[in-house]
């Protein structure tokens, strides 16, 4: 069974924006961002939600988080 997550981003200016951003970072690092099905936001939370839409709306949604590759100074990868 697929689990879905809903997120409510509250108002409160820059503090609400920071909280919403931190929560989204947590979902990405926990590998749960693909389960995020709906977001509701008001006021300060809408700032973060708007930025998220600008950067991620056009990107294809993946079930797996993208793995970053770090290039070492000698050209090899970790």
N, C-alpha and C. Protein backbone atom coordinates (compact mmCIF):
# COMPACT_ATOMS: atom_id res chain seq x y z
N UNK A 1 0.84 -1.18 0.00
CA UNK A 1 0.00 0.00 0.00
C UNK A 1 0.88 1.24 0.00
N UNK A 2 0.60 2.17 -0.88
CA UNK A 2 1.37 3.40 -0.97
C UNK A 2 0.87 4.38 0.08
N UNK A 3 1.80 4.94 0.82
CA UNK A 3 1.45 5.94 1.83
C UNK A 3 1.62 7.32 1.22
N UNK A 4 0.68 8.20 1.51
CA UNK A 4 0.76 9.57 1.02
C UNK A 4 0.87 10.51 2.21
N UNK A 5 1.56 11.62 2.00
CA UNK A 5 1.76 12.62 3.04
C UNK A 5 1.14 13.92 2.58
N UNK A 6 0.46 14.60 3.48
CA UNK A 6 -0.06 15.94 3.25
C UNK A 6 0.71 16.89 4.14
N UNK A 7 0.97 18.09 3.67
CA UNK A 7 1.74 19.07 4.44
C UNK A 7 0.99 20.38 4.49
N UNK A 8 0.86 20.94 5.69
CA UNK A 8 0.24 22.25 5.88
C UNK A 8 1.31 23.23 6.31
N UNK A 9 1.51 24.28 5.54
CA UNK A 9 2.50 25.30 5.87
C UNK A 9 1.77 26.51 6.42
N UNK A 10 2.04 26.82 7.68
CA UNK A 10 1.31 27.90 8.35
C UNK A 10 1.88 29.27 8.04
N UNK A 11 1.17 30.28 8.51
CA UNK A 11 1.63 31.65 8.38
C UNK A 11 2.52 32.04 9.53
N UNK A 12 3.15 33.19 9.43
CA UNK A 12 4.02 33.68 10.49
C UNK A 12 5.29 34.31 9.96
N UNK A 13 5.25 34.75 8.71
CA UNK A 13 6.41 35.45 8.16
C UNK A 13 7.60 34.56 7.90
N UNK A 14 8.80 35.11 8.14
CA UNK A 14 10.03 34.38 7.82
C UNK A 14 10.20 33.14 8.70
N UNK A 15 9.67 33.13 9.90
CA UNK A 15 9.77 31.94 10.75
C UNK A 15 8.97 30.78 10.16
N UNK A 16 7.78 31.08 9.65
CA UNK A 16 6.97 30.04 9.01
C UNK A 16 7.65 29.53 7.74
N UNK A 17 8.27 30.43 6.98
CA UNK A 17 8.99 30.02 5.77
C UNK A 17 10.16 29.11 6.12
N UNK A 18 10.89 29.46 7.16
CA UNK A 18 12.03 28.64 7.60
C UNK A 18 11.60 27.27 8.08
N UNK A 19 10.50 27.22 8.84
CA UNK A 19 10.00 25.94 9.32
C UNK A 19 9.59 25.05 8.15
N UNK A 20 8.86 25.62 7.20
CA UNK A 20 8.40 24.86 6.04
C UNK A 20 9.58 24.34 5.22
N UNK A 21 10.58 25.18 5.05
CA UNK A 21 11.77 24.77 4.30
C UNK A 21 12.50 23.63 5.01
N UNK A 22 12.64 23.75 6.32
CA UNK A 22 13.28 22.68 7.09
C UNK A 22 12.52 21.37 7.01
N UNK A 23 11.20 21.46 7.03
CA UNK A 23 10.38 20.25 6.92
C UNK A 23 10.54 19.61 5.55
N UNK A 24 10.60 20.43 4.51
CA UNK A 24 10.80 19.87 3.17
C UNK A 24 12.18 19.24 3.04
N UNK A 25 13.21 19.86 3.61
CA UNK A 25 14.55 19.25 3.59
C UNK A 25 14.53 17.91 4.31
N UNK A 26 13.80 17.83 5.43
CA UNK A 26 13.71 16.56 6.15
C UNK A 26 13.08 15.49 5.26
N UNK A 27 11.98 15.84 4.58
CA UNK A 27 11.31 14.86 3.73
C UNK A 27 12.24 14.34 2.63
N UNK A 28 13.02 15.22 2.04
CA UNK A 28 13.97 14.81 1.00
C UNK A 28 15.03 13.89 1.58
N UNK A 29 15.64 14.28 2.70
CA UNK A 29 16.72 13.49 3.30
C UNK A 29 16.21 12.16 3.85
N UNK A 30 14.94 12.10 4.25
CA UNK A 30 14.36 10.85 4.76
C UNK A 30 13.83 9.98 3.62
N UNK A 31 13.91 10.47 2.38
CA UNK A 31 13.44 9.70 1.24
C UNK A 31 11.92 9.65 1.15
N UNK A 32 11.24 10.59 1.77
CA UNK A 32 9.77 10.59 1.82
C UNK A 32 9.15 11.62 0.88
N UNK A 33 9.95 12.39 0.17
CA UNK A 33 9.41 13.48 -0.65
C UNK A 33 8.51 12.98 -1.78
N UNK A 34 8.73 11.78 -2.27
CA UNK A 34 7.88 11.24 -3.33
C UNK A 34 6.49 10.90 -2.81
N UNK A 35 6.34 10.75 -1.50
CA UNK A 35 5.05 10.43 -0.89
C UNK A 35 4.22 11.70 -0.63
N UNK A 36 4.81 12.87 -0.82
CA UNK A 36 4.11 14.13 -0.58
C UNK A 36 3.06 14.33 -1.68
N UNK A 37 1.79 14.22 -1.30
CA UNK A 37 0.71 14.26 -2.28
C UNK A 37 0.03 15.62 -2.38
N UNK A 38 -0.03 16.36 -1.27
CA UNK A 38 -0.74 17.63 -1.28
C UNK A 38 -0.09 18.59 -0.29
N UNK A 39 -0.06 19.88 -0.66
CA UNK A 39 0.47 20.91 0.23
C UNK A 39 -0.57 22.03 0.30
N UNK A 40 -0.85 22.48 1.51
CA UNK A 40 -1.71 23.63 1.73
C UNK A 40 -0.86 24.68 2.44
N UNK A 41 -0.95 25.93 2.01
CA UNK A 41 -0.11 26.96 2.64
C UNK A 41 -0.85 28.29 2.71
N UNK A 42 -0.48 29.06 3.72
CA UNK A 42 -0.99 30.43 3.87
C UNK A 42 0.16 31.33 4.28
N UNK A 43 0.07 32.57 3.95
CA UNK A 43 0.99 33.62 4.39
C UNK A 43 2.45 33.23 4.24
N UNK A 44 3.22 33.20 5.33
CA UNK A 44 4.65 32.92 5.27
C UNK A 44 4.97 31.56 4.68
N UNK A 45 4.12 30.57 4.94
CA UNK A 45 4.32 29.24 4.36
C UNK A 45 4.17 29.25 2.85
N UNK A 46 3.37 30.18 2.35
CA UNK A 46 3.18 30.28 0.90
C UNK A 46 4.43 30.78 0.18
N UNK A 47 5.27 31.51 0.88
CA UNK A 47 6.54 31.95 0.28
C UNK A 47 7.37 30.73 -0.07
N UNK A 48 7.55 29.83 0.89
CA UNK A 48 8.32 28.60 0.65
C UNK A 48 7.64 27.74 -0.39
N UNK A 49 6.33 27.60 -0.31
CA UNK A 49 5.60 26.79 -1.27
C UNK A 49 5.73 27.36 -2.67
N UNK A 50 5.67 28.67 -2.81
CA UNK A 50 5.84 29.31 -4.12
C UNK A 50 7.21 29.07 -4.71
N UNK A 51 8.23 29.18 -3.90
CA UNK A 51 9.60 28.91 -4.37
C UNK A 51 9.74 27.45 -4.77
N UNK A 52 9.14 26.56 -3.98
CA UNK A 52 9.18 25.13 -4.31
C UNK A 52 8.54 24.90 -5.67
N UNK A 53 7.41 25.53 -5.90
CA UNK A 53 6.74 25.36 -7.19
C UNK A 53 7.59 25.88 -8.35
N UNK A 54 8.24 27.01 -8.15
CA UNK A 54 9.08 27.56 -9.21
C UNK A 54 10.23 26.61 -9.58
N UNK A 55 10.81 25.97 -8.59
CA UNK A 55 11.98 25.14 -8.84
C UNK A 55 11.67 23.68 -9.16
N UNK A 56 10.53 23.17 -8.67
CA UNK A 56 10.29 21.74 -8.80
C UNK A 56 9.10 21.37 -9.67
N UNK A 57 8.28 22.32 -10.05
CA UNK A 57 7.08 22.00 -10.84
C UNK A 57 7.45 21.41 -12.20
N UNK A 58 8.49 21.92 -12.81
CA UNK A 58 8.87 21.44 -14.14
C UNK A 58 9.71 20.17 -14.09
N UNK A 59 10.27 19.86 -12.93
CA UNK A 59 11.13 18.68 -12.81
C UNK A 59 10.29 17.42 -12.73
N UNK A 60 10.72 16.34 -13.39
CA UNK A 60 9.97 15.09 -13.28
C UNK A 60 10.04 14.54 -11.86
N UNK A 61 8.98 13.96 -11.40
CA UNK A 61 8.90 13.42 -10.04
C UNK A 61 9.42 12.00 -10.05
N UNK A 62 10.36 11.73 -9.21
CA UNK A 62 10.98 10.41 -9.13
C UNK A 62 10.58 9.73 -7.84
N UNK A 63 10.48 8.41 -7.89
CA UNK A 63 10.18 7.65 -6.68
C UNK A 63 11.40 7.54 -5.78
N UNK A 64 12.58 7.61 -6.37
CA UNK A 64 13.82 7.53 -5.60
C UNK A 64 14.48 8.90 -5.55
N UNK A 65 15.03 9.28 -4.38
CA UNK A 65 15.75 10.55 -4.33
C UNK A 65 17.01 10.48 -5.18
N UNK A 66 17.35 11.59 -5.80
CA UNK A 66 18.56 11.64 -6.60
C UNK A 66 19.78 11.52 -5.69
N UNK A 67 20.73 10.71 -6.11
CA UNK A 67 21.96 10.57 -5.33
C UNK A 67 22.99 11.53 -5.88
N UNK A 68 23.58 12.27 -4.98
CA UNK A 68 24.60 13.21 -5.43
C UNK A 68 25.93 12.48 -5.54
N UNK A 69 26.71 12.87 -6.51
CA UNK A 69 28.04 12.29 -6.69
C UNK A 69 29.05 13.38 -6.42
N UNK A 70 29.97 13.06 -5.57
CA UNK A 70 31.01 14.02 -5.25
C UNK A 70 32.26 13.65 -6.04
N UNK A 71 32.79 14.62 -6.76
CA UNK A 71 34.01 14.39 -7.52
C UNK A 71 35.20 14.80 -6.66
N UNK A 72 36.16 13.89 -6.54
CA UNK A 72 37.37 14.19 -5.78
C UNK A 72 38.33 14.99 -6.66
N UNK A 73 39.34 15.54 -6.04
CA UNK A 73 40.31 16.35 -6.76
C UNK A 73 41.04 15.56 -7.84
N UNK A 74 41.17 14.23 -7.66
CA UNK A 74 41.86 13.43 -8.67
C UNK A 74 40.92 12.98 -9.80
N UNK A 75 39.64 13.41 -9.76
CA UNK A 75 38.70 13.08 -10.83
C UNK A 75 37.86 11.85 -10.55
N UNK A 76 38.17 11.08 -9.50
CA UNK A 76 37.37 9.90 -9.18
C UNK A 76 36.12 10.31 -8.43
N UNK A 77 35.17 9.40 -8.32
CA UNK A 77 33.89 9.67 -7.67
C UNK A 77 33.76 8.86 -6.39
N UNK A 78 32.98 9.41 -5.46
CA UNK A 78 32.64 8.67 -4.25
C UNK A 78 31.34 7.96 -4.45
